[in-house]
Amino acid sequence: MSICDLRRVFDVLASVVAIVALCPVMLVVAALVLGGLGRPILFRQNRVGLHGKEFRIFKFRTMRPPRYPGQPDRERETRLGRVLRVTSLDELPQLLNIVRGDMGTIGPRPTLPDQVRHYDARQRGRLAVRPGLTGWAQVNGRNTLSWPERIELDLWYIENRDWALDARILVITLGRLVRPRGIVEREQAA
């Protein structure tokens, strides 16, 4: 079995265990979103994954629909949405993306197709691995980093990734879930 196959087995097993363990939390979040924002409960958006393949990412919805074209995200976000984003609970449905094979547990965060269109040849190296639920850029600044900084951290991760680095990222991620840092609202979320 290759390293890629082992990573995939780990990703699926970890995601299934997380889905089962976090099912009560996800049901409560779904009920809160339904009660506070209505349907749909999930936000779906095209993102770019492994080798440039597009897929639909899932998140719990955190914003009201826009009242007018171009309305800033900050005006559409609710108090519940802010809490879900700060705690990263809005990201839990991405466990389904991992099971489906769109994403992995660890890797560069999946980006929007419009962002990928602007990548140069070197930056396209981010697409050499499956995007992740968490990654090196997330544990080293998350949204406080500029896009070029995030891309460089992601490329460094791809060049240096191994099981020890992945374990380090998971441990740091768990710490960040307990004490969130680096979550800054931007006009376009990563």
N, C-alpha and C. Protein backbone atom coordinates (compact mmCIF):
# COMPACT_ATOMS: atom_id res chain seq x y z
N MET A 1 0.86 -1.18 0.00
CA MET A 1 0.00 0.00 0.00
C MET A 1 0.90 1.24 0.00
N SER A 2 0.61 2.19 -0.88
CA SER A 2 1.43 3.39 -0.99
C SER A 2 1.11 4.38 0.13
N ILE A 3 1.98 5.38 0.27
CA ILE A 3 1.76 6.44 1.27
C ILE A 3 0.45 7.16 0.99
N CYS A 4 0.17 7.42 -0.30
CA CYS A 4 -1.10 8.10 -0.65
C CYS A 4 -2.30 7.26 -0.23
N ASP A 5 -2.20 5.94 -0.43
CA ASP A 5 -3.30 5.06 -0.03
C ASP A 5 -3.47 5.05 1.48
N LEU A 6 -2.35 5.04 2.21
CA LEU A 6 -2.41 5.06 3.68
C LEU A 6 -3.03 6.36 4.17
N ARG A 7 -2.64 7.48 3.55
CA ARG A 7 -3.24 8.77 3.92
C ARG A 7 -4.75 8.74 3.69
N ARG A 8 -5.16 8.19 2.58
CA ARG A 8 -6.60 8.14 2.25
C ARG A 8 -7.35 7.26 3.27
N VAL A 9 -6.77 6.13 3.63
CA VAL A 9 -7.40 5.25 4.63
C VAL A 9 -7.51 6.00 5.95
N PHE A 10 -6.43 6.68 6.37
CA PHE A 10 -6.47 7.47 7.61
C PHE A 10 -7.56 8.53 7.53
N ASP A 11 -7.60 9.27 6.40
CA ASP A 11 -8.59 10.34 6.24
C ASP A 11 -10.01 9.82 6.37
N VAL A 12 -10.31 8.72 5.71
CA VAL A 12 -11.68 8.17 5.75
C VAL A 12 -12.01 7.68 7.15
N LEU A 13 -11.10 6.91 7.76
CA LEU A 13 -11.36 6.40 9.10
C LEU A 13 -11.52 7.53 10.12
N ALA A 14 -10.63 8.50 10.07
CA ALA A 14 -10.72 9.63 11.01
C ALA A 14 -12.01 10.41 10.81
N SER A 15 -12.41 10.59 9.56
CA SER A 15 -13.64 11.35 9.28
C SER A 15 -14.88 10.61 9.72
N VAL A 16 -14.93 9.32 9.48
CA VAL A 16 -16.10 8.53 9.90
C VAL A 16 -16.21 8.54 11.43
N VAL A 17 -15.08 8.35 12.11
CA VAL A 17 -15.10 8.40 13.58
C VAL A 17 -15.55 9.78 14.06
N ALA A 18 -15.04 10.84 13.42
CA ALA A 18 -15.42 12.20 13.80
C ALA A 18 -16.90 12.46 13.54
N ILE A 19 -17.40 11.98 12.41
CA ILE A 19 -18.83 12.17 12.10
C ILE A 19 -19.69 11.50 13.16
N VAL A 20 -19.35 10.27 13.52
CA VAL A 20 -20.12 9.54 14.54
C VAL A 20 -20.03 10.27 15.89
N ALA A 21 -18.81 10.65 16.28
CA ALA A 21 -18.62 11.30 17.58
C ALA A 21 -19.26 12.68 17.64
N LEU A 22 -19.23 13.40 16.53
CA LEU A 22 -19.72 14.78 16.52
C LEU A 22 -21.15 14.90 15.99
N CYS A 23 -21.79 13.78 15.71
CA CYS A 23 -23.15 13.81 15.18
C CYS A 23 -24.10 14.63 16.07
N PRO A 24 -24.08 14.45 17.40
CA PRO A 24 -24.97 15.28 18.23
C PRO A 24 -24.69 16.78 18.08
N VAL A 25 -23.42 17.14 18.01
CA VAL A 25 -23.04 18.56 17.83
C VAL A 25 -23.55 19.06 16.48
N MET A 26 -23.35 18.26 15.43
CA MET A 26 -23.79 18.68 14.09
C MET A 26 -25.31 18.81 14.03
N LEU A 27 -26.03 17.94 14.72
CA LEU A 27 -27.50 18.05 14.74
C LEU A 27 -27.94 19.33 15.45
N VAL A 28 -27.28 19.68 16.55
CA VAL A 28 -27.61 20.90 17.27
C VAL A 28 -27.30 22.12 16.39
N VAL A 29 -26.14 22.12 15.74
CA VAL A 29 -25.78 23.25 14.86
C VAL A 29 -26.79 23.34 13.72
N ALA A 30 -27.14 22.21 13.12
CA ALA A 30 -28.12 22.22 12.03
C ALA A 30 -29.45 22.80 12.49
N ALA A 31 -29.88 22.42 13.69
CA ALA A 31 -31.15 22.94 14.23
C ALA A 31 -31.06 24.44 14.48
N LEU A 32 -29.91 24.91 14.99
CA LEU A 32 -29.73 26.34 15.23
C LEU A 32 -29.73 27.12 13.93
N VAL A 33 -29.06 26.59 12.90
CA VAL A 33 -29.03 27.27 11.60
C VAL A 33 -30.44 27.29 11.01
N LEU A 34 -31.13 26.17 11.07
CA LEU A 34 -32.49 26.11 10.55
C LEU A 34 -33.39 27.11 11.27
N GLY A 35 -33.30 27.17 12.61
CA GLY A 35 -34.12 28.10 13.38
C GLY A 35 -33.73 29.55 13.18
N GLY A 36 -32.46 29.82 13.02
CA GLY A 36 -31.99 31.21 12.92
C GLY A 36 -31.91 31.77 11.51
N LEU A 37 -31.63 30.90 10.54
CA LEU A 37 -31.44 31.37 9.17
C LEU A 37 -32.39 30.72 8.17
N GLY A 38 -33.03 29.63 8.59
CA GLY A 38 -33.91 28.91 7.68
C GLY A 38 -33.13 28.00 6.74
N ARG A 39 -33.79 27.61 5.68
CA ARG A 39 -33.16 26.73 4.70
C ARG A 39 -32.44 27.56 3.65
N PRO A 40 -31.42 27.01 3.05
CA PRO A 40 -30.78 25.73 3.29
C PRO A 40 -29.89 25.80 4.53
N ILE A 41 -29.68 24.66 5.14
CA ILE A 41 -28.83 24.57 6.32
C ILE A 41 -27.36 24.61 5.91
N LEU A 42 -27.07 23.97 4.79
CA LEU A 42 -25.69 23.91 4.31
C LEU A 42 -25.42 24.94 3.23
N PHE A 43 -24.25 25.50 3.28
CA PHE A 43 -23.72 26.38 2.24
C PHE A 43 -22.87 25.49 1.34
N ARG A 44 -23.08 25.60 0.04
CA ARG A 44 -22.30 24.83 -0.93
C ARG A 44 -21.62 25.80 -1.87
N GLN A 45 -20.38 25.51 -2.21
CA GLN A 45 -19.63 26.40 -3.08
C GLN A 45 -18.59 25.59 -3.84
N ASN A 46 -18.36 25.96 -5.09
CA ASN A 46 -17.32 25.29 -5.86
C ASN A 46 -15.95 25.69 -5.35
N ARG A 47 -15.09 24.71 -5.18
CA ARG A 47 -13.70 24.91 -4.79
C ARG A 47 -12.84 24.06 -5.70
N VAL A 48 -11.55 24.32 -5.67
CA VAL A 48 -10.62 23.57 -6.50
C VAL A 48 -9.81 22.63 -5.62
N GLY A 49 -9.72 21.38 -6.06
CA GLY A 49 -9.03 20.37 -5.29
C GLY A 49 -7.83 19.78 -6.01
N LEU A 50 -7.61 18.52 -5.75
CA LEU A 50 -6.47 17.78 -6.28
C LEU A 50 -6.41 17.86 -7.80
N HIS A 51 -5.25 18.25 -8.30
CA HIS A 51 -4.98 18.37 -9.74
C HIS A 51 -5.93 19.34 -10.45
N GLY A 52 -6.48 20.30 -9.71
CA GLY A 52 -7.32 21.32 -10.32
C GLY A 52 -8.77 20.91 -10.52
N LYS A 53 -9.16 19.76 -10.01
CA LYS A 53 -10.54 19.30 -10.16
C LYS A 53 -11.46 20.08 -9.23
N GLU A 54 -12.56 20.59 -9.77
CA GLU A 54 -13.53 21.33 -8.95
C GLU A 54 -14.46 20.37 -8.22
N PHE A 55 -14.87 20.78 -7.03
CA PHE A 55 -15.84 20.02 -6.24
C PHE A 55 -16.67 21.00 -5.44
N ARG A 56 -17.77 20.51 -4.87
CA ARG A 56 -18.66 21.32 -4.04
C ARG A 56 -18.28 21.12 -2.58
N ILE A 57 -17.87 22.21 -1.93
CA ILE A 57 -17.52 22.14 -0.50
C ILE A 57 -18.80 22.37 0.31
N PHE A 58 -18.88 21.74 1.47
CA PHE A 58 -20.03 21.88 2.36
C PHE A 58 -19.61 22.61 3.63
N LYS A 59 -20.44 23.53 4.06
CA LYS A 59 -20.27 24.21 5.34
C LYS A 59 -21.66 24.49 5.90
N PHE A 60 -21.73 24.67 7.22
CA PHE A 60 -22.99 25.16 7.76
C PHE A 60 -23.12 26.63 7.36
N ARG A 61 -24.31 27.02 7.00
CA ARG A 61 -24.56 28.39 6.57
C ARG A 61 -24.40 29.35 7.74
N THR A 62 -23.71 30.48 7.50
CA THR A 62 -23.47 31.46 8.56
C THR A 62 -24.00 32.84 8.20
N MET A 63 -24.55 33.00 6.99
CA MET A 63 -25.00 34.33 6.56
C MET A 63 -26.41 34.30 5.98
N ARG A 64 -27.04 35.45 6.08
CA ARG A 64 -28.33 35.64 5.43
C ARG A 64 -28.09 35.82 3.93
N PRO A 65 -29.12 35.58 3.10
CA PRO A 65 -28.96 35.87 1.68
C PRO A 65 -28.73 37.37 1.47
N PRO A 66 -28.03 37.76 0.42
CA PRO A 66 -27.79 39.19 0.19
C PRO A 66 -29.10 39.93 -0.13
N ARG A 67 -29.22 41.14 0.40
CA ARG A 67 -30.38 41.98 0.10
C ARG A 67 -30.21 42.68 -1.23
N TYR A 68 -28.94 42.86 -1.63
CA TYR A 68 -28.63 43.50 -2.92
C TYR A 68 -27.30 42.94 -3.43
N PRO A 69 -27.08 42.97 -4.75
CA PRO A 69 -25.84 42.44 -5.31
C PRO A 69 -24.61 43.15 -4.72
N GLY A 70 -23.63 42.36 -4.36
CA GLY A 70 -22.39 42.93 -3.84
C GLY A 70 -22.44 43.34 -2.38
N GLN A 71 -23.52 42.99 -1.67
CA GLN A 71 -23.59 43.34 -0.25
C GLN A 71 -22.44 42.66 0.48
N PRO A 72 -21.69 43.40 1.30
CA PRO A 72 -20.54 42.82 2.00
C PRO A 72 -20.96 41.68 2.94
N ASP A 73 -20.09 40.67 3.02
CA ASP A 73 -20.35 39.53 3.89
C ASP A 73 -20.60 39.96 5.33
N ARG A 74 -19.85 40.92 5.80
CA ARG A 74 -19.97 41.37 7.19
C ARG A 74 -21.40 41.82 7.51
N GLU A 75 -22.08 42.44 6.57
CA GLU A 75 -23.46 42.90 6.79
C GLU A 75 -24.45 41.73 6.79
N ARG A 76 -24.08 40.62 6.19
CA ARG A 76 -24.98 39.48 6.08
C ARG A 76 -24.79 38.46 7.19
N GLU A 77 -23.67 38.55 7.91
CA GLU A 77 -23.37 37.57 8.94
C GLU A 77 -24.24 37.79 10.18
N THR A 78 -24.60 36.70 10.81
CA THR A 78 -25.42 36.76 12.02
C THR A 78 -24.53 36.49 13.24
N ARG A 79 -25.07 36.73 14.41
CA ARG A 79 -24.34 36.42 15.65
C ARG A 79 -24.02 34.92 15.69
N LEU A 80 -25.00 34.09 15.35
CA LEU A 80 -24.77 32.65 15.30
C LEU A 80 -23.65 32.33 14.30
N GLY A 81 -23.69 32.98 13.15
CA GLY A 81 -22.66 32.75 12.14
C GLY A 81 -21.26 33.07 12.65
N ARG A 82 -21.14 34.18 13.38
CA ARG A 82 -19.83 34.55 13.94
C ARG A 82 -19.33 33.48 14.91
N VAL A 83 -20.23 32.99 15.75
CA VAL A 83 -19.86 31.95 16.71
C VAL A 83 -19.43 30.68 15.97
N LEU A 84 -20.19 30.30 14.96
CA LEU A 84 -19.84 29.10 14.20
C LEU A 84 -18.48 29.24 13.52
N ARG A 85 -18.19 30.42 13.00
CA ARG A 85 -16.90 30.63 12.33
C ARG A 85 -15.74 30.66 13.33
N VAL A 86 -15.90 31.37 14.44
CA VAL A 86 -14.83 31.46 15.43
C VAL A 86 -14.50 30.08 16.00
N THR A 87 -15.51 29.26 16.20
CA THR A 87 -15.30 27.93 16.76
C THR A 87 -15.01 26.88 15.69
N SER A 88 -15.07 27.28 14.43
CA SER A 88 -14.87 26.39 13.26
C SER A 88 -15.95 25.32 13.15
N LEU A 89 -17.06 25.47 13.87
CA LEU A 89 -18.15 24.50 13.76
C LEU A 89 -18.79 24.54 12.37
N ASP A 90 -18.69 25.67 11.68
CA ASP A 90 -19.25 25.76 10.33
C ASP A 90 -18.54 24.82 9.36
N GLU A 91 -17.33 24.38 9.71
CA GLU A 91 -16.53 23.53 8.83
C GLU A 91 -16.86 22.03 8.98
N LEU A 92 -17.61 21.64 10.00
CA LEU A 92 -17.85 20.21 10.26
C LEU A 92 -18.42 19.44 9.06
N PRO A 93 -19.31 20.01 8.25
CA PRO A 93 -19.80 19.24 7.10
C PRO A 93 -18.72 18.84 6.10
N GLN A 94 -17.55 19.46 6.20
CA GLN A 94 -16.46 19.08 5.29
C GLN A 94 -15.93 17.68 5.60
N LEU A 95 -16.31 17.13 6.74
CA LEU A 95 -15.98 15.73 7.00
C LEU A 95 -16.59 14.85 5.91
N LEU A 96 -17.76 15.24 5.39
CA LEU A 96 -18.37 14.52 4.26
C LEU A 96 -17.53 14.67 3.00
N ASN A 97 -16.95 15.87 2.79
CA ASN A 97 -16.06 16.06 1.64
C ASN A 97 -14.85 15.13 1.73
N ILE A 98 -14.37 14.90 2.95
CA ILE A 98 -13.23 13.99 3.13
C ILE A 98 -13.64 12.57 2.79
N VAL A 99 -14.78 12.11 3.30
CA VAL A 99 -15.25 10.76 3.00
C VAL A 99 -15.45 10.58 1.50
N ARG A 100 -15.98 11.60 0.84
CA ARG A 100 -16.21 11.53 -0.61
C ARG A 100 -14.92 11.54 -1.43
N GLY A 101 -13.80 11.96 -0.81
CA GLY A 101 -12.53 11.99 -1.53
C GLY A 101 -12.18 13.34 -2.11
N ASP A 102 -13.02 14.35 -1.87
CA ASP A 102 -12.73 15.71 -2.36
C ASP A 102 -11.58 16.33 -1.59
N MET A 103 -11.49 15.99 -0.31
CA MET A 103 -10.52 16.61 0.59
C MET A 103 -9.84 15.54 1.43
N GLY A 104 -8.78 15.98 2.12
CA GLY A 104 -8.12 15.15 3.10
C GLY A 104 -8.21 15.85 4.45
N THR A 105 -7.68 15.21 5.46
CA THR A 105 -7.68 15.82 6.78
C THR A 105 -6.72 17.01 6.82
N ILE A 106 -5.52 16.83 6.23
CA ILE A 106 -4.49 17.86 6.27
C ILE A 106 -4.03 18.17 4.86
N GLY A 107 -3.92 19.46 4.57
CA GLY A 107 -3.45 19.93 3.27
C GLY A 107 -3.80 21.39 3.12
N PRO A 108 -3.45 21.99 2.00
CA PRO A 108 -3.83 23.38 1.77
C PRO A 108 -5.34 23.51 1.74
N ARG A 109 -5.88 24.59 2.28
CA ARG A 109 -7.32 24.80 2.22
C ARG A 109 -7.74 24.94 0.76
N PRO A 110 -8.89 24.37 0.39
CA PRO A 110 -9.35 24.49 -1.00
C PRO A 110 -9.75 25.93 -1.31
N THR A 111 -9.36 26.38 -2.48
CA THR A 111 -9.64 27.77 -2.84
C THR A 111 -10.69 27.86 -3.94
N LEU A 112 -11.13 29.08 -4.15
CA LEU A 112 -12.14 29.36 -5.17
C LEU A 112 -11.53 29.26 -6.57
N PRO A 113 -12.32 28.83 -7.56
CA PRO A 113 -11.79 28.75 -8.92
C PRO A 113 -11.21 30.07 -9.43
N ASP A 114 -11.83 31.21 -9.08
CA ASP A 114 -11.31 32.51 -9.52
C ASP A 114 -9.91 32.77 -8.98
N GLN A 115 -9.65 32.31 -7.77
CA GLN A 115 -8.32 32.49 -7.19
C GLN A 115 -7.29 31.63 -7.91
N VAL A 116 -7.66 30.39 -8.21
CA VAL A 116 -6.74 29.46 -8.86
C VAL A 116 -6.39 29.96 -10.27
N ARG A 117 -7.32 30.60 -10.94
CA ARG A 117 -7.04 31.13 -12.29
C ARG A 117 -5.88 32.12 -12.29
N HIS A 118 -5.63 32.75 -11.16
CA HIS A 118 -4.55 33.73 -11.05
C HIS A 118 -3.23 33.13 -10.57
N TYR A 119 -3.20 31.84 -10.29
CA TYR A 119 -1.96 31.20 -9.85
C TYR A 119 -0.94 31.18 -10.98
N ASP A 120 0.32 31.35 -10.62
CA ASP A 120 1.38 31.12 -11.59
C ASP A 120 1.74 29.63 -11.53
N ALA A 121 2.68 29.19 -12.35
CA ALA A 121 3.02 27.77 -12.43
C ALA A 121 3.46 27.22 -11.07
N ARG A 122 4.25 27.98 -10.34
CA ARG A 122 4.73 27.52 -9.03
C ARG A 122 3.57 27.40 -8.04
N GLN A 123 2.70 28.38 -8.02
CA GLN A 123 1.57 28.37 -7.08
C GLN A 123 0.61 27.22 -7.38
N ARG A 124 0.54 26.79 -8.62
CA ARG A 124 -0.32 25.65 -8.96
C ARG A 124 0.15 24.37 -8.26
N GLY A 125 1.35 24.42 -7.71
CA GLY A 125 1.85 23.29 -6.93
C GLY A 125 0.97 22.98 -5.72
N ARG A 126 0.17 23.94 -5.28
CA ARG A 126 -0.79 23.70 -4.19
C ARG A 126 -1.79 22.61 -4.56
N LEU A 127 -1.99 22.40 -5.85
CA LEU A 127 -2.99 21.45 -6.31
C LEU A 127 -2.44 20.04 -6.45
N ALA A 128 -1.18 19.84 -6.04
CA ALA A 128 -0.54 18.53 -6.16
C ALA A 128 -1.01 17.55 -5.09
N VAL A 129 -1.65 18.07 -4.05
CA VAL A 129 -2.18 17.21 -2.98
C VAL A 129 -3.65 17.55 -2.76
N ARG A 130 -4.32 16.63 -2.13
CA ARG A 130 -5.73 16.85 -1.78
C ARG A 130 -5.82 18.02 -0.80
N PRO A 131 -6.76 18.95 -0.99
CA PRO A 131 -6.91 20.03 -0.01
C PRO A 131 -7.34 19.46 1.34
N GLY A 132 -7.09 20.23 2.40
CA GLY A 132 -7.36 19.70 3.72
C GLY A 132 -8.33 20.51 4.55
N LEU A 133 -8.85 19.87 5.57
CA LEU A 133 -9.70 20.52 6.56
C LEU A 133 -8.87 21.47 7.40
N THR A 134 -7.61 21.11 7.63
CA THR A 134 -6.66 21.97 8.30
C THR A 134 -5.33 21.83 7.58
N GLY A 135 -4.44 22.76 7.86
CA GLY A 135 -3.15 22.71 7.18
C GLY A 135 -2.12 23.62 7.82
N TRP A 136 -0.94 23.62 7.25
CA TRP A 136 0.18 24.38 7.78
C TRP A 136 -0.12 25.87 7.83
N ALA A 137 -0.75 26.42 6.80
CA ALA A 137 -1.09 27.84 6.80
C ALA A 137 -2.14 28.15 7.88
N GLN A 138 -3.06 27.23 8.12
CA GLN A 138 -4.09 27.47 9.14
C GLN A 138 -3.49 27.55 10.53
N VAL A 139 -2.51 26.71 10.82
CA VAL A 139 -1.94 26.71 12.16
C VAL A 139 -0.84 27.76 12.32
N ASN A 140 -0.52 28.44 11.23
CA ASN A 140 0.51 29.49 11.28
C ASN A 140 -0.03 30.86 10.94
N GLY A 141 -1.31 31.08 11.22
CA GLY A 141 -1.84 32.42 11.03
C GLY A 141 -3.23 32.49 10.44
N ARG A 142 -3.64 31.46 9.73
CA ARG A 142 -4.98 31.40 9.15
C ARG A 142 -5.29 32.66 8.36
N ASN A 143 -6.37 33.34 8.67
CA ASN A 143 -6.81 34.51 7.89
C ASN A 143 -6.02 35.79 8.17
N THR A 144 -5.09 35.75 9.13
CA THR A 144 -4.26 36.93 9.35
C THR A 144 -3.14 37.01 8.33
N LEU A 145 -2.96 35.95 7.56
CA LEU A 145 -1.91 35.90 6.54
C LEU A 145 -2.44 36.42 5.20
N SER A 146 -1.55 37.00 4.42
CA SER A 146 -1.93 37.39 3.05
C SER A 146 -2.00 36.12 2.20
N TRP A 147 -2.64 36.22 1.03
CA TRP A 147 -2.70 35.06 0.13
C TRP A 147 -1.31 34.58 -0.26
N PRO A 148 -0.38 35.46 -0.64
CA PRO A 148 0.97 34.97 -0.98
C PRO A 148 1.64 34.24 0.19
N GLU A 149 1.43 34.71 1.42
CA GLU A 149 2.01 34.04 2.58
C GLU A 149 1.40 32.64 2.77
N ARG A 150 0.08 32.55 2.62
CA ARG A 150 -0.59 31.26 2.75
C ARG A 150 -0.09 30.28 1.70
N ILE A 151 0.01 30.77 0.48
CA ILE A 151 0.46 29.90 -0.61
C ILE A 151 1.87 29.39 -0.34
N GLU A 152 2.75 30.27 0.12
CA GLU A 152 4.13 29.85 0.43
C GLU A 152 4.16 28.81 1.54
N LEU A 153 3.36 29.01 2.58
CA LEU A 153 3.29 28.02 3.65
C LEU A 153 2.75 26.69 3.14
N ASP A 154 1.74 26.74 2.27
CA ASP A 154 1.19 25.51 1.70
C ASP A 154 2.23 24.79 0.84
N LEU A 155 2.97 25.54 0.04
CA LEU A 155 4.01 24.93 -0.80
C LEU A 155 5.11 24.32 0.07
N TRP A 156 5.47 25.00 1.16
CA TRP A 156 6.46 24.45 2.08
C TRP A 156 5.96 23.14 2.66
N TYR A 157 4.69 23.11 3.04
CA TYR A 157 4.10 21.89 3.60
C TYR A 157 4.19 20.75 2.59
N ILE A 158 3.81 21.01 1.35
CA ILE A 158 3.82 19.96 0.33
C ILE A 158 5.22 19.40 0.13
N GLU A 159 6.22 20.27 0.14
CA GLU A 159 7.60 19.83 -0.03
C GLU A 159 8.13 19.06 1.18
N ASN A 160 7.58 19.31 2.36
CA ASN A 160 8.13 18.74 3.59
C ASN A 160 7.18 17.80 4.33
N ARG A 161 6.06 17.48 3.74
CA ARG A 161 5.05 16.73 4.47
C ARG A 161 5.51 15.30 4.77
N ASP A 162 5.20 14.92 5.96
CA ASP A 162 5.42 13.56 6.42
C ASP A 162 4.48 13.34 7.60
N TRP A 163 4.49 12.13 8.15
CA TRP A 163 3.56 11.80 9.23
C TRP A 163 3.80 12.65 10.46
N ALA A 164 5.08 12.96 10.76
CA ALA A 164 5.39 13.77 11.95
C ALA A 164 4.84 15.18 11.80
N LEU A 165 5.00 15.77 10.62
CA LEU A 165 4.47 17.12 10.39
C LEU A 165 2.95 17.10 10.46
N ASP A 166 2.33 16.08 9.88
CA ASP A 166 0.87 15.97 9.94
C ASP A 166 0.39 15.86 11.39
N ALA A 167 1.10 15.06 12.19
CA ALA A 167 0.73 14.91 13.61
C ALA A 167 0.86 16.25 14.32
N ARG A 168 1.93 16.99 14.01
CA ARG A 168 2.13 18.31 14.62
C ARG A 168 0.98 19.25 14.26
N ILE A 169 0.59 19.24 12.98
CA ILE A 169 -0.52 20.10 12.54
C ILE A 169 -1.81 19.73 13.26
N LEU A 170 -2.07 18.43 13.42
CA LEU A 170 -3.29 18.00 14.12
C LEU A 170 -3.30 18.46 15.57
N VAL A 171 -2.17 18.32 16.25
CA VAL A 171 -2.08 18.75 17.65
C VAL A 171 -2.30 20.26 17.76
N ILE A 172 -1.64 21.03 16.89
CA ILE A 172 -1.81 22.49 16.92
C ILE A 172 -3.25 22.86 16.60
N THR A 173 -3.85 22.17 15.62
CA THR A 173 -5.25 22.44 15.26
C THR A 173 -6.17 22.21 16.45
N LEU A 174 -5.97 21.12 17.16
CA LEU A 174 -6.81 20.86 18.34
C LEU A 174 -6.66 21.97 19.37
N GLY A 175 -5.44 22.45 19.55
CA GLY A 175 -5.21 23.59 20.45
C GLY A 175 -5.91 24.84 19.98
N ARG A 176 -5.92 25.08 18.67
CA ARG A 176 -6.58 26.26 18.11
C ARG A 176 -8.10 26.18 18.24
N LEU A 177 -8.62 24.94 18.23
CA LEU A 177 -10.06 24.79 18.42
C LEU A 177 -10.46 25.15 19.84
N VAL A 178 -9.57 24.85 20.78
CA VAL A 178 -9.83 25.18 22.19
C VAL A 178 -9.64 26.68 22.43
N ARG A 179 -8.59 27.26 21.83
CA ARG A 179 -8.30 28.69 21.96
C ARG A 179 -8.13 29.29 20.57
N PRO A 180 -9.22 29.67 19.91
CA PRO A 180 -9.15 30.18 18.54
C PRO A 180 -8.27 31.42 18.40
N ARG A 181 -7.49 31.44 17.31
CA ARG A 181 -6.64 32.58 16.95
C ARG A 181 -6.59 32.67 15.44
N GLY A 182 -6.34 33.87 14.93
CA GLY A 182 -6.12 34.05 13.50
C GLY A 182 -7.38 34.06 12.66
N ILE A 183 -8.53 34.22 13.32
CA ILE A 183 -9.78 34.25 12.57
C ILE A 183 -10.17 35.71 12.37
N VAL A 184 -9.99 36.18 11.16
CA VAL A 184 -10.27 37.56 10.82
C VAL A 184 -11.23 37.53 9.65
N GLU A 185 -12.29 38.27 9.74
CA GLU A 185 -13.25 38.31 8.64
C GLU A 185 -12.65 39.02 7.44
N ARG A 186 -12.77 38.40 6.31
CA ARG A 186 -12.34 38.96 5.03
C ARG A 186 -13.54 38.97 4.12
N GLU A 187 -13.45 39.73 3.05
CA GLU A 187 -14.57 39.76 2.11
C GLU A 187 -14.79 38.41 1.45
N GLN A 188 -13.70 37.66 1.19
CA GLN A 188 -13.84 36.33 0.63
C GLN A 188 -13.21 35.35 1.60
N ALA A 189 -14.00 34.41 2.08
CA ALA A 189 -13.46 33.43 3.02
C ALA A 189 -12.68 32.38 2.27
N ALA A 190 -11.69 31.82 2.95
CA ALA A 190 -10.85 30.78 2.34
C ALA A 190 -11.51 29.43 2.45
